[in-house]
Protein backbone atom coordinates (compact mmCIF):
# COMPACT_ATOMS: atom_id res chain seq x y z
CA MET A 1 136.48 130.55 74.85
CA SER A 2 137.51 132.48 78.03
CA SER A 3 139.96 131.14 80.25
CA SER A 4 137.04 130.42 82.71
CA ASP A 5 135.51 128.23 80.09
CA SER A 6 138.54 126.06 79.82
CA PRO A 7 138.60 122.70 81.67
CA PHE A 8 142.28 123.01 82.27
CA LEU A 9 143.70 124.71 85.42
CA SER A 10 147.28 126.29 85.50
CA LEU A 11 149.86 123.71 86.95
CA TYR A 12 151.45 126.55 89.41
CA GLU A 13 149.77 128.80 91.72
CA VAL A 14 151.80 131.31 94.00
CA ILE A 15 150.40 131.20 97.45
CA PRO A 16 150.81 134.30 99.44
CA ASP A 17 152.56 134.18 103.00
CA ILE A 18 150.44 133.69 105.92
CA GLU A 19 152.63 135.84 108.10
CA LYS A 20 152.70 138.84 105.65
CA ASP A 21 148.98 138.95 104.97
CA PRO A 22 146.45 136.23 105.87
CA LYS A 23 143.51 137.88 104.05
CA ASP A 24 145.58 137.47 100.75
CA LEU A 25 146.03 133.85 101.68
CA GLN A 26 142.28 133.43 102.16
CA ASN A 27 141.39 135.18 99.03
CA LYS A 28 143.64 133.02 97.00
CA ILE A 29 142.62 129.69 98.52
CA THR A 30 138.88 130.76 97.89
CA ASP A 31 139.76 131.74 94.04
CA VAL A 32 141.72 128.32 93.59
CA TYR A 33 139.06 126.37 95.11
CA SER A 34 136.44 128.13 92.93
CA ARG A 35 138.11 127.85 89.77
CA LEU A 36 138.98 123.96 90.74
CA ALA A 37 135.26 123.29 91.44
CA GLN A 38 134.14 125.08 88.25
CA ARG A 39 136.56 122.90 86.04
CA ILE A 40 135.63 119.39 87.72
CA ASN A 41 132.09 120.28 87.33
CA LYS A 42 132.45 120.76 83.67
CA LYS A 43 134.18 117.23 83.13
CA ASP A 44 132.05 114.35 82.10
CA ILE A 45 131.10 112.51 85.23
CA ALA A 46 131.59 108.58 85.05
CA ILE A 47 128.47 107.81 87.04
CA TYR A 48 126.49 104.99 85.26
CA ASP A 49 123.65 104.39 87.64
CA LEU A 50 120.06 102.86 87.39
CA PHE A 51 118.71 106.41 87.90
CA GLU A 52 118.99 109.83 86.30
CA ASN A 53 122.34 111.56 87.06
CA PRO A 54 123.80 114.76 85.84
CA ASN A 55 126.88 113.75 83.54
CA GLY A 56 128.64 116.97 83.64
CA GLN A 57 128.21 117.55 79.91
CA GLN A 58 127.12 120.88 78.77
CA PHE A 59 125.40 121.84 75.42
CA PHE A 60 124.65 124.89 73.45
CA GLY A 61 121.00 126.18 74.10
CA THR A 62 118.85 128.82 72.18
CA ASP A 63 120.77 131.50 74.12
CA PRO A 64 124.50 131.22 73.40
CA GLN A 65 125.33 132.41 76.91
CA THR A 66 123.30 129.76 78.55
CA LYS A 67 124.58 126.07 78.53
CA ARG A 68 122.22 123.01 79.03
CA ASP A 69 123.03 120.26 81.37
CA GLY A 70 123.47 116.89 80.15
CA PHE A 71 121.95 113.63 81.81
CA ARG A 72 122.54 110.01 81.88
CA LEU A 73 120.26 107.03 82.77
CA VAL A 74 121.41 103.38 82.58
CA LEU A 75 118.86 100.52 81.81
CA GLN A 76 119.12 96.83 82.48
CA THR A 77 117.53 94.75 79.62
CA GLY A 78 116.81 91.54 81.51
CA SER A 79 116.87 88.42 79.14
CA LEU A 80 116.21 89.25 75.53
CA SER A 81 114.30 87.11 72.99
CA THR A 82 114.28 87.41 69.14
CA GLY A 83 112.37 90.35 67.92
CA ALA A 84 111.26 93.60 69.60
CA ASN A 85 112.16 93.87 73.48
CA ASN A 86 110.67 96.62 75.47
CA VAL A 87 112.49 98.16 78.74
CA ALA A 88 110.51 100.96 80.52
CA HIS A 89 112.83 103.89 80.92
CA GLY A 90 110.63 105.84 83.33
CA LEU A 91 111.33 109.27 81.85
CA SER A 92 108.38 111.79 81.81
CA PHE A 93 108.59 113.89 78.69
CA PRO A 94 107.12 117.39 78.99
CA SER A 95 104.38 118.43 76.51
CA PRO A 96 105.74 119.94 74.25
CA ASN A 97 108.84 117.75 74.51
CA THR A 98 112.02 119.56 75.17
CA TYR A 99 114.32 116.63 75.58
CA HIS A 100 117.05 115.85 72.93
CA PHE A 101 118.90 112.50 73.10
CA THR A 102 122.74 113.05 72.57
CA ARG A 103 123.80 109.21 72.95
CA ILE A 104 121.92 106.03 72.79
CA TYR A 105 124.19 102.85 73.13
CA GLY A 106 125.02 99.89 75.22
CA VAL A 107 126.12 96.21 75.22
CA ILE A 108 124.54 92.89 75.33
CA GLU A 109 126.11 89.77 76.50
CA ASP A 110 126.06 86.14 76.94
CA THR A 111 128.26 85.42 79.86
CA THR A 112 128.34 81.80 79.22
CA VAL A 113 130.04 81.84 75.89
CA PRO A 114 131.59 84.66 76.78
CA GLU A 115 130.61 87.16 74.15
CA TRP A 116 129.70 90.89 74.20
CA VAL A 117 127.92 92.74 71.35
CA PRO A 118 127.91 96.59 70.95
CA ILE A 119 124.54 98.30 70.57
CA PRO A 120 123.27 99.64 68.28
CA ASN A 121 125.03 97.56 65.33
CA ALA A 122 124.16 95.91 62.02
CA GLY A 123 122.13 93.25 63.63
CA VAL A 124 120.77 94.83 66.69
CA THR A 125 118.56 98.16 67.06
CA VAL A 126 117.78 100.57 69.94
CA LEU A 127 114.56 102.87 69.68
CA VAL A 128 113.68 105.24 72.47
CA GLY A 129 109.80 105.81 72.47
CA GLY A 130 107.58 107.76 74.89
CA THR A 131 107.53 104.94 77.58
CA ASN A 132 110.08 102.26 76.50
CA VAL A 133 113.42 101.57 75.04
CA THR A 134 112.95 99.07 72.24
CA ILE A 135 115.74 96.79 71.53
CA ASN A 136 115.29 94.54 68.40
CA ILE A 137 117.69 91.49 68.26
CA PRO A 138 117.98 88.69 65.82
CA SER A 139 117.85 85.20 66.88
CA ALA A 140 121.56 84.73 67.33
CA TYR A 141 121.18 86.79 70.39
CA ASN A 142 118.32 85.10 72.00
CA GLY A 143 118.93 84.99 75.56
CA TYR A 144 121.50 87.78 75.83
CA SER A 145 120.88 90.55 78.35
CA GLY A 146 122.82 93.98 78.79
CA ILE A 147 122.48 97.45 79.58
CA VAL A 148 121.42 100.49 77.48
CA ILE A 149 122.67 103.90 78.33
CA LEU A 150 120.82 106.78 77.59
CA GLU A 151 122.10 110.44 77.62
CA TYR A 152 120.13 113.56 76.94
CA VAL A 153 119.57 117.19 77.61
CA LYS A 154 116.09 118.36 78.75
CA PHE A 155 115.45 121.97 77.73
CA ASP A 156 116.02 124.39 75.08
C-alpha cells in the first residue's frame, strides 16, 4: 500500500513562511488539502438515508489498479406480519447484473415493549430479489417494524 492509499495523515506539517516564499505556502496548502480530501473520501461515510448514497467504501475490481465504489440504501419495513413481507428497494439492476451486495442487515423493533431484534438472525431472514427485499418473520415478531440496510458495489 502506498502512502497515498493510507487513510492516515501525518500529525505534523511544516508550513512555509508566507514572508519568505508565498508560492511555497500556496503549494503546501494545496498539497495538504488534496491529501486531506483524498483520505476523508476513503473513509466509511455514516449517511444512512432513504435513497442511494455513496458510502465511501472501495472494493477491488477486475483491474487491480481500479477500485469500485460502494453504495448504501436504507429501507423502512413498515409493520410486518408473520411470514414473508416484501419491501420494494427501487434498484434497477443492469442486464447482465453487475451489482454485488456486500452487506445486508437491519433491525426490527417493537417500541411499545421496547424490544429490538437484529436481522438477519435465527428467526428472521432477509432476501434481496430483483424488485423487493423479502423479510420473513415468525409469529413472535408480528407487528414489528424496522429498517433494512443494503450495501453494494455496482460494476466489475
